[in-house]
């Protein structure tokens, strides 16, 4: 069964931080970002929704505008791409 998620290449340090230290990392498993290794992070639709609740001042917040769906860490943004996994 394929799993619908969103993946961004954020770099190894950011991927680990998002999965273990961000505010959403402490939520139930289905709401947490997942470190895929190789600097990539995945967000399920529920994790994406949780990250959308973060404010601009919080790392890991999401924007969806003319530049596409993006996750922000500090002043850097990273494109989230919709994928089917599994």
N, C-alpha and C. Protein backbone atom coordinates (compact mmCIF):
# COMPACT_ATOMS: atom_id res chain seq x y z
N UNK A 1 0.84 -1.18 0.00
CA UNK A 1 0.00 0.00 0.00
C UNK A 1 0.88 1.24 0.00
N UNK A 2 0.67 2.13 -0.92
CA UNK A 2 1.47 3.35 -1.03
C UNK A 2 1.04 4.35 0.05
N UNK A 3 2.00 5.07 0.56
CA UNK A 3 1.75 6.09 1.57
C UNK A 3 2.04 7.45 0.96
N UNK A 4 1.09 8.33 1.06
CA UNK A 4 1.17 9.68 0.53
C UNK A 4 1.95 10.54 1.54
N UNK A 5 3.00 11.24 1.10
CA UNK A 5 3.75 12.11 2.00
C UNK A 5 4.39 13.24 1.19
N UNK A 6 5.06 14.12 1.92
CA UNK A 6 5.76 15.25 1.34
C UNK A 6 7.20 15.17 1.78
N UNK A 7 8.13 15.32 0.84
CA UNK A 7 9.56 15.16 1.13
C UNK A 7 10.31 16.43 0.74
N UNK A 8 11.26 16.81 1.59
CA UNK A 8 12.12 17.96 1.30
C UNK A 8 13.56 17.57 1.59
N UNK A 9 14.46 18.07 0.77
CA UNK A 9 15.89 17.92 1.03
C UNK A 9 16.34 19.14 1.82
N UNK A 10 16.58 18.93 3.11
CA UNK A 10 16.89 20.03 4.02
C UNK A 10 18.32 19.96 4.55
N UNK A 11 19.04 18.90 4.25
CA UNK A 11 20.38 18.69 4.78
C UNK A 11 20.31 17.84 6.04
N UNK A 12 21.37 17.08 6.31
CA UNK A 12 21.36 16.14 7.44
C UNK A 12 21.08 16.78 8.80
N UNK A 13 21.68 17.90 9.07
CA UNK A 13 21.51 18.55 10.38
C UNK A 13 20.06 18.99 10.58
N UNK A 14 19.48 19.61 9.56
CA UNK A 14 18.09 20.06 9.65
C UNK A 14 17.11 18.88 9.73
N UNK A 15 17.38 17.81 8.98
CA UNK A 15 16.49 16.64 9.00
C UNK A 15 16.44 16.02 10.39
N UNK A 16 17.60 15.87 11.01
CA UNK A 16 17.65 15.32 12.37
C UNK A 16 16.92 16.26 13.33
N UNK A 17 17.16 17.55 13.22
CA UNK A 17 16.54 18.51 14.13
C UNK A 17 15.02 18.48 13.99
N UNK A 18 14.52 18.51 12.76
CA UNK A 18 13.07 18.48 12.54
C UNK A 18 12.44 17.22 13.14
N UNK A 19 13.11 16.09 13.01
CA UNK A 19 12.56 14.82 13.48
C UNK A 19 12.70 14.62 14.99
N UNK A 20 13.62 15.33 15.63
CA UNK A 20 13.87 15.05 17.05
C UNK A 20 13.72 16.25 17.99
N UNK A 21 13.84 17.46 17.49
CA UNK A 21 13.86 18.63 18.37
C UNK A 21 12.80 19.69 18.08
N UNK A 22 12.21 19.66 16.90
CA UNK A 22 11.21 20.68 16.56
C UNK A 22 9.99 20.50 17.46
N UNK A 23 9.14 21.51 17.51
CA UNK A 23 7.95 21.42 18.35
C UNK A 23 7.05 20.26 17.92
N UNK A 24 6.97 20.00 16.62
CA UNK A 24 6.12 18.90 16.15
C UNK A 24 6.75 17.53 16.39
N UNK A 25 8.05 17.47 16.67
CA UNK A 25 8.72 16.19 16.93
C UNK A 25 8.22 15.53 18.21
N UNK A 26 7.55 16.28 19.06
CA UNK A 26 7.08 15.76 20.34
C UNK A 26 5.61 15.36 20.31
N UNK A 27 4.99 15.45 19.15
CA UNK A 27 3.60 15.06 18.99
C UNK A 27 3.52 13.55 18.75
N UNK A 28 2.30 13.03 18.65
CA UNK A 28 2.11 11.62 18.31
C UNK A 28 2.81 11.31 16.99
N UNK A 29 3.21 10.07 16.82
CA UNK A 29 4.05 9.66 15.68
C UNK A 29 3.54 10.15 14.33
N UNK A 30 2.23 10.05 14.10
CA UNK A 30 1.69 10.41 12.79
C UNK A 30 1.75 11.92 12.50
N UNK A 31 2.06 12.72 13.51
CA UNK A 31 2.16 14.17 13.35
C UNK A 31 3.60 14.68 13.31
N UNK A 32 4.56 13.77 13.40
CA UNK A 32 5.98 14.14 13.45
C UNK A 32 6.63 14.09 12.08
N UNK A 33 7.60 14.98 11.82
CA UNK A 33 8.45 14.83 10.64
C UNK A 33 9.31 13.58 10.79
N UNK A 34 9.63 12.94 9.68
CA UNK A 34 10.44 11.72 9.69
C UNK A 34 11.75 11.97 8.96
N UNK A 35 12.87 11.69 9.63
CA UNK A 35 14.19 11.79 9.01
C UNK A 35 14.38 10.56 8.13
N UNK A 36 14.50 10.77 6.81
CA UNK A 36 14.67 9.67 5.87
C UNK A 36 16.13 9.32 5.63
N UNK A 37 17.05 10.10 6.21
CA UNK A 37 18.46 9.92 5.93
C UNK A 37 18.86 10.73 4.71
N UNK A 38 20.13 10.87 4.50
CA UNK A 38 20.66 11.60 3.35
C UNK A 38 20.15 13.04 3.27
N UNK A 39 19.80 13.63 4.43
CA UNK A 39 19.37 15.02 4.45
C UNK A 39 17.95 15.26 4.02
N UNK A 40 17.15 14.18 3.95
CA UNK A 40 15.76 14.32 3.52
C UNK A 40 14.82 14.12 4.71
N UNK A 41 13.74 14.84 4.69
CA UNK A 41 12.71 14.72 5.73
C UNK A 41 11.37 14.51 5.04
N UNK A 42 10.52 13.67 5.65
CA UNK A 42 9.19 13.41 5.10
C UNK A 42 8.13 13.84 6.11
N UNK A 43 7.04 14.37 5.60
CA UNK A 43 5.90 14.73 6.42
C UNK A 43 4.67 14.05 5.84
N UNK A 44 3.96 13.32 6.68
CA UNK A 44 2.69 12.74 6.28
C UNK A 44 1.69 13.90 6.15
N UNK A 45 0.53 13.65 5.58
CA UNK A 45 -0.48 14.72 5.54
C UNK A 45 -0.81 15.26 6.95
N UNK A 46 -0.85 14.40 7.95
CA UNK A 46 -1.11 14.86 9.32
C UNK A 46 0.06 15.68 9.86
N UNK A 47 1.29 15.26 9.56
CA UNK A 47 2.46 16.03 10.00
C UNK A 47 2.52 17.38 9.29
N UNK A 48 2.14 17.39 8.02
CA UNK A 48 2.08 18.65 7.28
C UNK A 48 1.07 19.59 7.94
N UNK A 49 -0.08 19.07 8.30
CA UNK A 49 -1.09 19.87 8.97
C UNK A 49 -0.60 20.43 10.30
N UNK A 50 0.11 19.61 11.07
CA UNK A 50 0.65 20.07 12.35
C UNK A 50 1.68 21.17 12.13
N UNK A 51 2.53 21.02 11.12
CA UNK A 51 3.55 22.03 10.85
C UNK A 51 2.93 23.33 10.34
N UNK A 52 1.79 23.23 9.68
CA UNK A 52 1.08 24.44 9.22
C UNK A 52 0.59 25.28 10.39
N UNK A 53 0.44 24.67 11.56
CA UNK A 53 -0.03 25.38 12.75
C UNK A 53 1.07 26.21 13.40
N UNK A 54 2.33 25.97 13.03
CA UNK A 54 3.44 26.73 13.61
C UNK A 54 3.42 28.16 13.09
N UNK A 55 3.91 29.07 13.90
CA UNK A 55 4.01 30.46 13.48
C UNK A 55 5.29 30.71 12.70
N UNK A 56 5.34 31.83 11.98
CA UNK A 56 6.51 32.18 11.18
C UNK A 56 7.80 32.21 11.98
N UNK A 57 7.71 32.51 13.25
CA UNK A 57 8.90 32.62 14.09
C UNK A 57 9.44 31.25 14.51
N UNK A 58 8.72 30.17 14.19
CA UNK A 58 9.13 28.83 14.60
C UNK A 58 9.73 28.07 13.43
N UNK A 59 10.89 27.46 13.65
CA UNK A 59 11.48 26.63 12.61
C UNK A 59 10.57 25.44 12.34
N UNK A 60 10.45 25.11 11.07
CA UNK A 60 9.60 24.01 10.64
C UNK A 60 8.24 24.44 10.16
N UNK A 61 7.98 25.76 10.14
CA UNK A 61 6.67 26.20 9.66
C UNK A 61 6.58 26.05 8.14
N UNK A 62 5.36 25.99 7.66
CA UNK A 62 5.07 25.71 6.25
C UNK A 62 4.44 26.92 5.58
N UNK A 63 4.85 27.18 4.35
CA UNK A 63 4.16 28.16 3.52
C UNK A 63 3.73 27.47 2.23
N UNK A 64 2.65 27.95 1.66
CA UNK A 64 2.14 27.42 0.40
C UNK A 64 1.66 28.63 -0.40
N UNK A 65 2.52 29.08 -1.33
CA UNK A 65 2.20 30.29 -2.08
C UNK A 65 2.69 30.13 -3.51
N UNK A 66 2.92 31.22 -4.20
CA UNK A 66 3.34 31.19 -5.60
C UNK A 66 4.67 30.43 -5.79
N UNK A 67 5.48 30.40 -4.75
CA UNK A 67 6.76 29.67 -4.84
C UNK A 67 6.61 28.19 -4.51
N UNK A 68 5.39 27.75 -4.18
CA UNK A 68 5.13 26.35 -3.90
C UNK A 68 5.06 26.06 -2.42
N UNK A 69 4.97 24.79 -2.10
CA UNK A 69 4.90 24.31 -0.73
C UNK A 69 6.32 24.23 -0.18
N UNK A 70 6.58 24.95 0.93
CA UNK A 70 7.93 25.04 1.45
C UNK A 70 7.94 24.91 2.96
N UNK A 71 9.02 24.32 3.49
CA UNK A 71 9.26 24.25 4.92
C UNK A 71 10.43 25.17 5.23
N UNK A 72 10.31 25.93 6.32
CA UNK A 72 11.29 26.96 6.67
C UNK A 72 12.08 26.59 7.91
N UNK A 73 13.38 26.84 7.85
CA UNK A 73 14.26 26.73 9.00
C UNK A 73 15.13 27.97 8.98
N UNK A 74 14.93 28.82 9.99
CA UNK A 74 15.62 30.11 9.98
C UNK A 74 15.17 30.90 8.77
N UNK A 75 16.13 31.44 8.04
CA UNK A 75 15.82 32.23 6.84
C UNK A 75 15.82 31.39 5.58
N UNK A 76 16.04 30.08 5.70
CA UNK A 76 16.09 29.19 4.55
C UNK A 76 14.76 28.46 4.37
N UNK A 77 14.36 28.29 3.12
CA UNK A 77 13.18 27.50 2.84
C UNK A 77 13.57 26.36 1.90
N UNK A 78 12.83 25.26 2.03
CA UNK A 78 13.10 24.06 1.26
C UNK A 78 11.79 23.56 0.66
N UNK A 79 11.82 23.25 -0.62
CA UNK A 79 10.63 22.80 -1.32
C UNK A 79 10.19 21.42 -0.83
N UNK A 80 8.90 21.29 -0.55
CA UNK A 80 8.29 20.00 -0.22
C UNK A 80 7.64 19.46 -1.48
N UNK A 81 7.97 18.23 -1.80
CA UNK A 81 7.45 17.57 -3.01
C UNK A 81 6.54 16.43 -2.59
N UNK A 82 5.36 16.37 -3.15
CA UNK A 82 4.42 15.30 -2.84
C UNK A 82 4.91 14.00 -3.48
N UNK A 83 4.93 12.92 -2.71
CA UNK A 83 5.39 11.61 -3.21
C UNK A 83 4.49 10.51 -2.67
N UNK A 84 4.54 9.38 -3.35
CA UNK A 84 3.92 8.15 -2.86
C UNK A 84 5.06 7.23 -2.48
N UNK A 85 5.02 6.72 -1.25
CA UNK A 85 6.08 5.83 -0.76
C UNK A 85 5.49 4.47 -0.44
N UNK A 86 6.37 3.49 -0.51
CA UNK A 86 5.99 2.16 -0.03
C UNK A 86 5.29 1.37 -1.06
